[in-house]
Amino acid sequence: MSDLDQAFADAQENVKKLTSRPANDELLRLYALYKQGSKGDVEGKRPGRLDMVNRAKYDAWAKLTGTSSADAKQGYVDLVARLTQGTSSAG
């Protein structure tokens, strides 16, 4: 396992330990970076307009189309680190 893959795995564990819920835009960014880093470009049909949650997730992921897996993983690691620092300094 590469250092980046290990950091990505660690970030997935750390995000579960956040003491406060991130803002919706941060949650969408986390989702998109995770999916791009682990699955690659978005596939399938865009959910209908009545399925607002899954449509927002799809759109967030689609914005990262063409982003390399390594760049997405690094972005995820960096965002989790920023969110983790934000929650620990608030106490």
C-alpha atoms as a PDB file:
ATOM      1  CA  MET A   1       0.000   0.000   0.000  1.00  0.00           C
ATOM      2  CA  SER A   2       1.381   3.376  -0.995  1.00  0.00           C
ATOM      3  CA  ASP A   3       1.706   6.244   1.453  1.00  0.00           C
ATOM      4  CA  LEU A   4      -1.173   8.021  -0.293  1.00  0.00           C
ATOM      5  CA  ASP A   5      -3.393   4.933  -0.108  1.00  0.00           C
ATOM      6  CA  GLN A   6      -2.623   4.626   3.601  1.00  0.00           C
ATOM      7  CA  ALA A   7      -3.348   8.305   4.192  1.00  0.00           C
ATOM      8  CA  PHE A   8      -6.623   7.909   2.242  1.00  0.00           C
ATOM      9  CA  ALA A   9      -7.599   4.913   4.408  1.00  0.00           C
ATOM     10  CA  ASP A  10      -6.656   6.812   7.578  1.00  0.00           C
ATOM     11  CA  ALA A  11      -8.722   9.817   6.454  1.00  0.00           C
ATOM     12  CA  GLN A  12     -11.737   7.545   5.943  1.00  0.00           C
ATOM     13  CA  GLU A  13     -11.435   6.495   9.586  1.00  0.00           C
ATOM     14  CA  ASN A  14     -10.785  10.037  10.830  1.00  0.00           C
ATOM     15  CA  VAL A  15     -13.861  11.446   9.088  1.00  0.00           C
ATOM     16  CA  LYS A  16     -16.009   9.096  11.189  1.00  0.00           C
ATOM     17  CA  LYS A  17     -14.571  10.676  14.343  1.00  0.00           C
ATOM     18  CA  LEU A  18     -15.519  14.282  13.570  1.00  0.00           C
ATOM     19  CA  THR A  19     -17.237  15.810  16.568  1.00  0.00           C
ATOM     20  CA  SER A  20     -19.382  18.195  14.524  1.00  0.00           C
ATOM     21  CA  ARG A  21     -21.193  17.670  11.246  1.00  0.00           C
ATOM     22  CA  PRO A  22     -19.506  19.404   8.313  1.00  0.00           C
ATOM     23  CA  ALA A  23     -21.482  21.874   6.235  1.00  0.00           C
ATOM     24  CA  ASN A  24     -23.454  20.440   3.312  1.00  0.00           C
ATOM     25  CA  ASP A  25     -20.970  21.729   0.729  1.00  0.00           C
ATOM     26  CA  GLU A  26     -18.122  20.064   2.647  1.00  0.00           C
ATOM     27  CA  LEU A  27     -20.084  16.807   2.855  1.00  0.00           C
ATOM     28  CA  LEU A  28     -20.661  16.881  -0.894  1.00  0.00           C
ATOM     29  CA  ARG A  29     -16.987  17.610  -1.495  1.00  0.00           C
ATOM     30  CA  LEU A  30     -15.982  14.701   0.771  1.00  0.00           C
ATOM     31  CA  TYR A  31     -18.370  12.400  -1.069  1.00  0.00           C
ATOM     32  CA  ALA A  32     -17.171  13.478  -4.505  1.00  0.00           C
ATOM     33  CA  LEU A  33     -13.476  13.223  -3.652  1.00  0.00           C
ATOM     34  CA  TYR A  34     -13.987   9.810  -2.044  1.00  0.00           C
ATOM     35  CA  LYS A  35     -15.903   8.449  -5.038  1.00  0.00           C
ATOM     36  CA  GLN A  36     -13.458   9.925  -7.569  1.00  0.00           C
ATOM     37  CA  GLY A  37     -10.493   8.565  -5.618  1.00  0.00           C
ATOM     38  CA  SER A  38     -11.940   5.094  -5.162  1.00  0.00           C
ATOM     39  CA  LYS A  39     -14.123   4.573  -8.270  1.00  0.00           C
ATOM     40  CA  GLY A  40     -12.962   7.066 -10.900  1.00  0.00           C
ATOM     41  CA  ASP A  41     -15.233   9.178 -13.096  1.00  0.00           C
ATOM     42  CA  VAL A  42     -18.961   9.207 -12.408  1.00  0.00           C
ATOM     43  CA  GLU A  43     -21.059   6.689 -14.333  1.00  0.00           C
ATOM     44  CA  GLY A  44     -24.738   6.133 -14.894  1.00  0.00           C
ATOM     45  CA  LYS A  45     -27.663   8.443 -15.352  1.00  0.00           C
ATOM     46  CA  ARG A  46     -28.091  11.641 -13.401  1.00  0.00           C
ATOM     47  CA  PRO A  47     -30.891  11.194 -10.849  1.00  0.00           C
ATOM     48  CA  GLY A  48     -34.157  12.979 -11.535  1.00  0.00           C
ATOM     49  CA  ARG A  49     -34.884  16.402 -10.134  1.00  0.00           C
ATOM     50  CA  LEU A  50     -37.154  15.011  -7.411  1.00  0.00           C
ATOM     51  CA  ASP A  51     -34.241  12.994  -5.988  1.00  0.00           C
ATOM     52  CA  MET A  52     -32.446  16.107  -4.781  1.00  0.00           C
ATOM     53  CA  VAL A  53     -29.938  14.439  -2.445  1.00  0.00           C
ATOM     54  CA  ASN A  54     -28.635  11.892  -4.939  1.00  0.00           C
ATOM     55  CA  ARG A  55     -28.722  14.472  -7.704  1.00  0.00           C
ATOM     56  CA  ALA A  56     -26.508  16.804  -5.634  1.00  0.00           C
ATOM     57  CA  LYS A  57     -24.112  13.932  -4.930  1.00  0.00           C
ATOM     58  CA  TYR A  58     -24.004  12.993  -8.610  1.00  0.00           C
ATOM     59  CA  ASP A  59     -23.372  16.598  -9.653  1.00  0.00           C
ATOM     60  CA  ALA A  60     -20.591  17.045  -7.083  1.00  0.00           C
ATOM     61  CA  TRP A  61     -18.896  13.874  -8.297  1.00  0.00           C
ATOM     62  CA  ALA A  62     -19.396  14.780 -11.969  1.00  0.00           C
ATOM     63  CA  LYS A  63     -17.536  18.074 -11.403  1.00  0.00           C
ATOM     64  CA  LEU A  64     -14.414  15.998 -10.706  1.00  0.00           C
ATOM     65  CA  THR A  65     -14.553  14.101 -14.008  1.00  0.00           C
ATOM     66  CA  GLY A  66     -11.029  13.771 -15.347  1.00  0.00           C
ATOM     67  CA  THR A  67      -9.400  14.252 -11.940  1.00  0.00           C
ATOM     68  CA  SER A  68      -6.838  11.539 -11.300  1.00  0.00           C
ATOM     69  CA  SER A  69      -7.398   9.050  -8.513  1.00  0.00           C
ATOM     70  CA  ALA A  70      -4.246  10.281  -6.775  1.00  0.00           C
ATOM     71  CA  ASP A  71      -5.342  13.938  -6.901  1.00  0.00           C
ATOM     72  CA  ALA A  72      -8.807  13.058  -5.589  1.00  0.00           C
ATOM     73  CA  LYS A  73      -7.360  10.958  -2.766  1.00  0.00           C
ATOM     74  CA  GLN A  74      -4.984  13.769  -1.807  1.00  0.00           C
ATOM     75  CA  GLY A  75      -7.845  16.267  -1.881  1.00  0.00           C
ATOM     76  CA  TYR A  76      -9.882  14.004   0.384  1.00  0.00           C
ATOM     77  CA  VAL A  77      -6.978  13.593   2.824  1.00  0.00           C
ATOM     78  CA  ASP A  78      -6.399  17.362   2.887  1.00  0.00           C
ATOM     79  CA  LEU A  79     -10.088  18.158   3.427  1.00  0.00           C
ATOM     80  CA  VAL A  80     -10.442  15.626   6.260  1.00  0.00           C
ATOM     81  CA  ALA A  81      -7.297  17.028   7.890  1.00  0.00           C
ATOM     82  CA  ARG A  82      -8.729  20.557   7.666  1.00  0.00           C
ATOM     83  CA  LEU A  83     -12.083  19.455   9.092  1.00  0.00           C
ATOM     84  CA  THR A  84     -10.367  17.520  11.873  1.00  0.00           C
ATOM     85  CA  GLN A  85      -8.258  20.529  12.840  1.00  0.00           C
ATOM     86  CA  GLY A  86     -11.335  22.727  12.819  1.00  0.00           C
ATOM     87  CA  THR A  87     -13.178  20.485  15.266  1.00  0.00           C
ATOM     88  CA  SER A  88     -10.278  19.967  17.655  1.00  0.00           C
ATOM     89  CA  SER A  89      -9.534  23.697  17.987  1.00  0.00           C
ATOM     90  CA  ALA A  90     -13.183  24.517  18.709  1.00  0.00           C
ATOM     91  CA  GLY A  91     -13.067  22.815  22.084  1.00  0.00           C
END
